[in-house]
Structure formats: C-alpha cells, structure tokens
Protein backbone atom coordinates (compact mmCIF):
# COMPACT_ATOMS: atom_id res chain seq x y z
CA MET A 1 73.46 12.17 -10.11
CA GLY A 2 73.48 8.68 -8.65
CA ALA A 3 70.28 6.71 -8.22
CA ARG A 4 68.96 3.50 -6.71
CA LEU A 5 65.49 2.02 -6.58
CA VAL A 6 64.60 -0.54 -3.93
CA ARG A 7 61.43 -2.46 -3.13
CA ARG A 8 60.28 -2.93 0.45
CA THR A 9 57.27 -4.41 2.25
CA LEU A 10 55.23 -2.14 4.52
CA ARG A 11 53.59 -4.24 7.25
CA LEU A 12 50.69 -3.01 9.39
CA HIS A 13 49.79 -4.17 12.87
CA ARG A 14 46.37 -5.06 11.45
CA PRO A 15 44.43 -4.30 8.28
CA VAL A 16 42.63 -0.97 8.22
CA VAL A 17 38.99 -1.64 7.35
CA THR A 18 37.47 0.80 4.84
CA ALA A 19 34.25 0.81 2.84
CA HIS A 20 36.36 -0.34 -0.14
CA GLY A 21 37.67 -3.32 1.84
CA PRO A 22 40.64 -3.89 4.16
CA VAL A 23 44.00 -2.25 3.55
CA GLY A 24 46.83 -4.52 4.67
CA ASP A 25 50.52 -5.10 4.00
CA ARG A 26 51.81 -3.90 0.65
CA GLU A 27 54.97 -3.32 -1.32
CA VAL A 28 56.37 0.17 -1.78
CA LEU A 29 59.30 1.62 -3.70
CA LEU A 30 62.07 3.81 -2.33
CA LEU A 31 64.02 6.02 -4.72
CA GLY A 32 67.38 7.36 -3.57
CA LEU A 33 69.12 10.15 -5.49
CA SER A 34 72.67 11.21 -4.60
CA ASP A 35 74.91 14.12 -5.53
CA ALA A 36 78.68 14.40 -5.93
CA GLU A 37 79.08 15.46 -2.29
CA GLY A 38 77.48 12.26 -1.01
CA ASN A 39 74.11 13.71 -0.01
CA ILE A 40 71.17 11.35 -0.54
CA GLY A 41 67.54 12.32 -0.97
CA TRP A 42 64.76 9.78 -0.70
CA GLY A 43 61.33 9.50 -2.25
CA GLU A 44 58.61 6.88 -1.91
CA ALA A 45 56.05 5.41 -4.30
CA ALA A 46 53.30 3.60 -2.40
CA PRO A 47 50.46 2.69 -4.79
CA LEU A 48 47.26 1.63 -3.05
CA PRO A 49 44.61 -0.36 -4.95
CA VAL A 50 41.36 1.57 -5.57
CA PHE A 51 42.97 4.85 -4.46
CA THR A 52 45.75 5.15 -7.08
CA PRO A 53 45.68 4.33 -10.80
CA GLU A 54 48.97 2.42 -10.99
CA THR A 55 50.39 -0.79 -9.53
CA VAL A 56 53.74 -0.95 -7.79
CA ASP A 57 55.23 -2.55 -10.92
CA GLU A 58 53.89 0.24 -13.12
CA ALA A 59 55.21 2.87 -10.71
CA GLY A 60 58.60 1.19 -10.73
CA GLN A 61 58.72 1.13 -14.52
CA ALA A 62 57.74 4.80 -14.68
CA ILE A 63 60.60 5.67 -12.33
CA LEU A 64 63.07 3.55 -14.33
CA ASP A 65 61.93 5.25 -17.53
CA TRP A 66 62.55 8.63 -15.89
CA LEU A 67 66.02 7.54 -14.79
CA ASP A 68 66.82 6.32 -18.32
CA ASP A 69 65.45 9.45 -19.98
CA ASP A 70 66.57 13.07 -19.71
CA ARG A 71 65.13 13.37 -16.16
CA ILE A 72 63.46 16.65 -17.10
CA GLN A 73 59.86 15.58 -17.53
CA PRO A 74 58.46 13.95 -14.36
CA PRO A 75 56.81 10.51 -14.53
CA ALA A 76 53.18 10.60 -15.60
CA THR A 77 51.82 8.28 -12.91
CA PRO A 78 51.15 10.00 -9.56
CA THR A 79 52.98 7.81 -7.04
CA ALA A 80 56.03 7.56 -9.30
CA ARG A 81 55.99 11.33 -9.73
CA ALA A 82 55.69 11.72 -5.95
CA ALA A 83 58.77 9.55 -5.45
CA VAL A 84 60.84 11.57 -7.92
CA ASP A 85 59.57 14.91 -6.63
CA GLY A 86 60.22 13.93 -3.02
CA ALA A 87 63.69 12.56 -3.69
CA LEU A 88 64.77 15.70 -5.57
CA LEU A 89 63.46 18.06 -2.89
CA HIS A 90 64.88 15.92 -0.08
CA LEU A 91 68.27 15.89 -1.82
CA ALA A 92 68.22 19.68 -2.19
CA ALA A 93 67.32 20.07 1.49
CA ARG A 94 70.13 17.79 2.61
CA ALA A 95 72.60 19.59 0.36
CA ALA A 96 71.53 22.84 2.04
CA GLY A 97 71.86 21.26 5.49
CA LEU A 98 68.20 21.90 6.33
CA PRO A 99 65.16 19.84 7.26
CA LEU A 100 62.87 19.62 4.26
CA HIS A 101 60.17 21.88 5.74
CA GLN A 102 62.70 24.66 6.40
CA HIS A 103 64.10 24.27 2.90
CA LEU A 104 60.55 24.86 1.63
CA ASP A 105 59.78 27.66 4.12
CA PRO A 106 62.45 28.88 6.58
CA HIS A 107 59.80 30.01 9.07
CA SER A 108 57.78 26.78 9.19
CA PRO A 109 57.32 24.99 12.56
CA SER A 110 59.15 21.80 13.48
CA SER A 111 56.22 20.31 15.41
CA PHE A 112 52.44 20.31 15.15
CA ALA A 113 49.40 18.36 16.30
CA VAL A 114 48.07 15.53 14.14
CA SER A 115 44.95 13.39 14.17
CA ALA A 116 44.95 9.72 15.10
CA LEU A 117 43.28 7.15 12.83
CA VAL A 118 41.69 4.71 15.27
CA THR A 119 40.90 1.11 14.38
CA GLY A 120 39.70 -2.01 16.14
CA ASP A 121 38.27 -5.47 15.56
CA SER A 122 35.17 -4.55 17.57
CA PRO A 123 33.38 -1.34 18.58
CA GLU A 124 34.67 -1.79 22.13
CA GLU A 125 38.26 -2.16 20.95
CA LEU A 126 37.98 0.83 18.63
CA VAL A 127 36.63 3.02 21.44
CA ALA A 128 39.41 1.82 23.73
CA THR A 129 41.98 2.64 21.04
CA ALA A 130 40.54 6.13 20.70
CA ARG A 131 40.68 6.67 24.44
CA THR A 132 44.32 5.57 24.43
CA ALA A 133 45.10 8.03 21.63
CA VAL A 134 43.47 10.87 23.55
CA ASP A 135 45.29 9.91 26.74
CA ALA A 136 48.52 10.07 24.71
CA GLY A 137 47.77 13.68 23.71
CA HIS A 138 45.76 13.54 20.48
CA ARG A 139 42.99 16.12 20.26
CA THR A 140 41.55 14.80 16.98
CA VAL A 141 40.55 11.24 16.10
CA LYS A 142 39.39 9.83 12.78
CA VAL A 143 37.19 6.77 12.25
CA LYS A 144 36.39 4.86 9.08
CA VAL A 145 32.66 4.30 8.57
CA GLY A 146 30.52 2.86 5.79
CA ALA A 147 31.69 -0.76 5.88
CA LEU A 148 28.79 -1.68 8.21
CA SER A 149 25.23 -0.40 8.51
CA PHE A 150 24.67 3.23 9.42
CA GLU A 151 22.92 2.26 12.65
CA VAL A 152 26.03 0.37 13.76
CA ASP A 153 28.25 3.29 12.76
CA LEU A 154 26.01 5.79 14.56
CA ALA A 155 26.12 3.77 17.78
CA LEU A 156 29.89 3.53 17.46
CA VAL A 157 30.33 7.27 16.97
CA ALA A 158 28.02 8.00 19.92
CA ALA A 159 30.06 5.65 22.12
CA LEU A 160 33.23 7.27 20.85
CA ARG A 161 31.96 10.74 21.75
CA ASP A 162 31.06 9.56 25.25
CA ALA A 163 34.53 8.05 25.64
CA VAL A 164 36.65 10.99 24.47
CA GLY A 165 34.50 13.84 25.77
CA PRO A 166 33.31 17.05 24.11
CA GLU A 167 36.68 18.72 23.56
CA VAL A 168 38.16 16.13 21.19
CA ALA A 169 37.43 16.54 17.48
CA ILE A 170 35.96 13.50 15.72
CA ARG A 171 36.15 13.21 11.95
CA LEU A 172 34.63 10.42 9.86
CA ASP A 173 35.57 8.90 6.51
CA ALA A 174 32.89 6.96 4.61
CA ASN A 175 35.01 6.43 1.46
CA GLY A 176 31.96 7.26 -0.67
CA ALA A 177 29.92 4.35 0.69
CA TRP A 178 26.65 6.05 1.65
CA ASP A 179 23.63 6.15 -0.62
CA PRO A 180 23.16 9.73 -1.90
CA ASP A 181 19.46 9.64 -1.00
CA GLU A 182 20.16 8.46 2.55
CA ALA A 183 23.28 10.52 3.28
CA PRO A 184 21.54 13.82 4.22
CA GLY A 185 19.51 12.00 6.86
CA TYR A 186 22.63 10.30 8.18
CA LEU A 187 24.40 13.63 8.48
CA GLU A 188 21.43 15.17 10.31
CA ARG A 189 21.59 12.39 12.88
CA LEU A 190 25.36 12.77 13.27
CA ALA A 191 25.25 16.55 13.69
CA GLY A 192 24.38 16.37 17.37
CA LEU A 193 27.57 14.44 18.07
CA GLY A 194 29.82 17.37 17.16
CA ILE A 195 31.47 15.88 14.07
CA GLU A 196 34.36 17.98 12.74
CA PHE A 197 33.75 16.85 9.15
CA VAL A 198 32.86 13.80 7.08
CA GLU A 199 35.13 12.75 4.23
CA ASP A 200 33.49 11.44 1.08
CA PRO A 201 30.07 10.56 2.46
CA VAL A 202 29.07 9.69 -1.13
CA ALA A 203 30.94 8.94 -4.34
CA GLY A 204 31.26 11.41 -7.21
CA VAL A 205 31.47 15.18 -7.40
CA GLU A 206 27.84 15.83 -8.34
CA ALA A 207 26.47 13.62 -5.56
CA LEU A 208 28.90 15.17 -3.10
CA ALA A 209 27.74 18.68 -4.05
CA ALA A 210 24.09 17.74 -3.57
CA VAL A 211 24.76 16.21 -0.16
CA ARG A 212 26.85 19.18 0.95
CA THR A 213 23.97 21.55 0.16
CA ALA A 214 21.77 19.72 2.65
CA SER A 215 24.41 18.82 5.24
CA PRO A 216 24.66 20.36 8.73
CA VAL A 217 28.11 18.76 8.99
CA PRO A 218 31.12 20.08 7.01
CA ILE A 219 31.99 17.91 4.01
CA ALA A 220 35.52 17.01 2.91
CA ALA A 221 36.52 15.79 -0.56
CA ASP A 222 39.29 13.21 -0.74
CA GLU A 223 38.92 10.58 -3.45
CA THR A 224 37.43 13.16 -5.82
CA ALA A 225 40.40 15.49 -5.27
CA THR A 226 43.40 13.39 -6.29
CA SER A 227 44.39 15.50 -9.32
CA PRO A 228 44.34 19.14 -10.43
CA GLU A 229 41.31 18.29 -12.57
CA GLY A 230 39.57 16.67 -9.61
CA VAL A 231 40.15 19.65 -7.33
CA ALA A 232 38.90 22.00 -10.06
CA ALA A 233 35.74 19.92 -10.41
CA VAL A 234 35.15 19.97 -6.63
CA LEU A 235 35.54 23.74 -6.53
CA GLU A 236 33.34 24.36 -9.56
CA ALA A 237 30.56 22.19 -8.15
CA GLY A 238 30.80 23.59 -4.63
CA ALA A 239 31.12 19.98 -3.48
CA ALA A 240 33.16 20.43 -0.30
CA ASP A 241 34.11 22.68 2.59
CA ILE A 242 37.51 21.01 2.91
CA VAL A 243 39.92 19.36 0.48
CA VAL A 244 41.93 16.40 1.76
CA LEU A 245 45.29 16.15 -0.01
CA LYS A 246 47.54 13.09 -0.04
CA PRO A 247 50.85 14.17 -1.61
CA SER A 248 51.73 10.60 -2.56
CA ALA A 249 48.43 10.21 -4.45
CA VAL A 250 48.34 13.57 -6.27
CA GLY A 251 51.89 13.53 -7.61
CA GLY A 252 54.09 14.77 -4.79
CA ILE A 253 54.92 17.81 -2.72
CA VAL A 254 54.92 20.41 -5.50
CA VAL A 255 51.56 19.37 -6.96
CA ALA A 256 49.99 19.10 -3.50
CA ALA A 257 51.21 22.58 -2.57
CA GLU A 258 49.72 24.00 -5.78
CA LEU A 259 46.38 22.28 -5.15
CA ALA A 260 46.34 23.54 -1.57
CA SER A 261 46.85 27.10 -2.80
CA ILE A 262 44.00 26.76 -5.32
CA ALA A 263 41.66 25.35 -2.68
CA ARG A 264 42.51 28.06 -0.15
CA ASP A 265 42.01 30.81 -2.71
CA ALA A 266 38.49 29.44 -3.17
CA GLY A 267 37.85 29.59 0.57
CA LEU A 268 38.20 25.89 1.35
CA GLY A 269 40.11 24.35 4.22
CA VAL A 270 43.01 21.98 3.49
CA VAL A 271 43.95 18.82 5.36
CA VAL A 272 47.18 17.02 4.43
CA THR A 273 47.04 13.29 5.03
CA SER A 274 48.82 10.04 4.31
CA LEU A 275 47.92 7.27 1.88
CA LEU A 276 48.89 4.88 4.70
CA ASP A 277 52.40 5.50 3.38
CA GLY A 278 55.71 4.30 4.69
CA ALA A 279 58.10 6.48 6.66
CA VAL A 280 59.35 8.48 3.67
CA GLY A 281 55.89 9.30 2.34
CA VAL A 282 54.59 10.29 5.77
CA SER A 283 57.69 12.39 6.39
CA HIS A 284 57.33 14.27 3.12
CA ALA A 285 53.63 14.91 3.74
CA ALA A 286 54.43 16.21 7.22
CA HIS A 287 57.15 18.55 6.00
CA LEU A 288 54.76 19.84 3.34
CA ALA A 289 51.98 20.46 5.88
CA SER A 290 54.41 22.47 8.00
CA ALA A 291 55.79 24.43 5.05
CA ILE A 292 52.39 25.52 3.72
CA GLY A 293 50.87 26.03 7.16
CA ALA A 294 48.12 23.43 6.64
CA LEU A 295 47.90 22.68 10.36
CA HIS A 296 44.27 23.53 11.19
CA PRO A 297 42.34 21.26 10.89
CA ALA A 298 45.01 18.88 12.15
CA PRO A 299 46.83 16.94 9.43
CA GLY A 300 46.00 13.24 9.24
CA LEU A 301 49.58 12.17 9.70
CA GLY A 302 49.56 9.97 12.79
CA THR A 303 49.33 6.86 10.61
CA SER A 304 52.83 5.53 11.31
CA ALA A 305 51.43 4.26 14.62
CA LEU A 306 49.53 1.68 12.53
CA VAL A 307 52.73 0.29 10.98
CA ALA A 308 54.45 -2.76 12.47
CA GLU A 309 57.44 -2.88 10.08
CA ASP A 310 58.20 0.42 8.38
CA VAL A 311 60.54 1.18 5.50
CA GLY A 312 62.48 3.77 7.48
CA THR A 313 62.22 6.19 10.38
CA PRO A 314 59.04 8.31 10.36
CA PRO A 315 58.75 11.65 12.16
CA ARG A 316 58.59 11.09 15.91
CA LEU A 317 55.12 11.21 17.45
CA GLU A 318 55.02 12.58 20.99
CA GLY A 319 52.01 13.77 22.95
CA GLY A 320 49.87 13.90 19.80
CA PHE A 321 52.46 16.06 18.01
CA LEU A 322 54.76 15.17 15.12
CA LEU A 323 58.34 16.30 15.62
CA LEU A 324 60.15 16.99 12.36
CA SER A 325 63.87 16.72 11.73
CA GLY A 326 66.28 16.28 8.86
CA GLU A 327 66.79 12.62 9.71
CA ASP A 328 63.36 11.23 8.78
CA GLY A 329 63.56 8.53 6.12
CA PRO A 330 65.39 5.26 5.43
C-alpha cells in the first residue's frame, strides 16, 4: 500500500470566537493511502488547541510511526487515528466504486439538512448572517456564547429569534464558560426563546449533570464526550440529553459510530459535528452521519462555509442541505 503525508494550511474567512478564545487559521495533515489498482483514500488530522490533546507535529509523528510499523495497531492520538481510519475506509469505498456513506450503509441518504454556525464581529452582523443562512435554506442555526456577559448573549439570542422567526431551531454552545451556580438561572431565562439545546453550558461532567437536573432546556455534552471513557462518564452521571460527536476528535469514523450506538442505547440523541475541519474531515463526518442515520437533530456540518481556503473539495451545500458524492476530498 502506497502512502503520502502532506501538510496544508486551512484558512478561515474570519476567526470563530469561542469562550476558549478565537479559532483561526491552522495547519492540518492529509494522509493519502493507495492500492495496486491506483485507488486513493484520504484522511485528515486537524488538531485544534484546547479541544484535542495533540499538536499537528505530534499527530504527524504518530502517523509516520504507524506507516513505519506493522500498520495493524492504529495511532494512539485521536486526530492521527482519525486520519488513518478515514483514509482506510475512503480507500475501501473507492475500491468498491461507492461513496463512503453507501460503503458503510447501502441504504443511507445522499443528502440531508445541516445546521449553520453563524458568526459576526457585532451582534448586528451576526443576526444578519443568521438571516442570510435561513434565507439560503437552513432550518437550524448555532451560535457561540459565553465569551461575553450573559446579558449581552441573552439580548443577542432574543434578537436572533426575532430575526429568524419561530420555526427555525436555535442551538447555543457555551464551551463550558458559565458558572455552575449561575447556569440554571441563565437556562431558565433562555427557555422562553425556544432553544433547541445548549452545548456545554458548564465544564466537567459532575457540574453538567447538576445543571441538567435543573434545566428546562435540553443539554448537550461535547467537550466531555471526546473519548469512550468520556461518553461513559456522561451516561453514568446522566449529564446530557444529547451527545455531540466530532469524528476527528474522538478517533475517527469507527470510534464515533461506536460511541453513537452506546449513546443511543442509553436513550440520548446524537449530533455529528465538525472540529472546524478541512474538506476531508467534514466529508468523512458527513458520510458517517448519513450512514448511521444521525440526521435529527441536524448535524453541525455546515462549517465549510466558514473556510476561505480549504484543503480540498467539501460536500456541496445547497439550500441548507449537504449533498454527498464519492468525489469529496483533495
């Protein structure tokens, strides 16, 4: 099996502001694996500071070690493992002449609705961006909160609800920024705005479980659910109604599918999202979401619209729907 590892820069139109700080341009790795017939499968490693435990250099070394070894045991670090897992599955799909989602499940759909992550340098610009997304066909929008005061965020969400109307789902992501003692009151005040769910209102599984008990708004676990152990802890504590899974952060398609099955068996919803990945990572997450039927709530996979210079061709976004094919990638 042939292999090549290349480094590329993923450039965003503007930094995405989170409670952890802005997320801007970053380097990612693309792994290409080829067979004797000339088929090539691609995987992506896109480490993101704070969200993943390894740097891009560490991910690259883990992939090189895998290539130099027996290639049986996957890399230990999650984004490197995701790159290897994705490249192998993509190669198998191309060898079979199928889009990846149909290789995983022959009956999976080739298009589905996704949410739009809306950003802006001011509340007015963010609301205008959300309105544009809805006009383009999106029925779900997501907003990052927690970087500013709650009063500012509340006014923003109220303005957003007025702008998009009652039929559009609004989900929020606080990245664990809220004070555990204040969060229940915040959620009470947000409940009247018809919030679909709030991701990580507070940090830590125990705090999340306590807040969920008192919350009138569904709670989603993201940063606490980036490993099998993390998902198990969320389930044991009753810390969430929904698990948010980023295949590139948890170790790839296979691990993410296993975690989704565990969460569903426990009665939780599953949302597949991107780690603000490049085209290959977004494509693999989208094909996974289709294959496992994790389509309601809408996957958070409209993030390629935030990218100015991508590392390949992401799934096409049309009318708020992602359209999958076998040609997504570099």
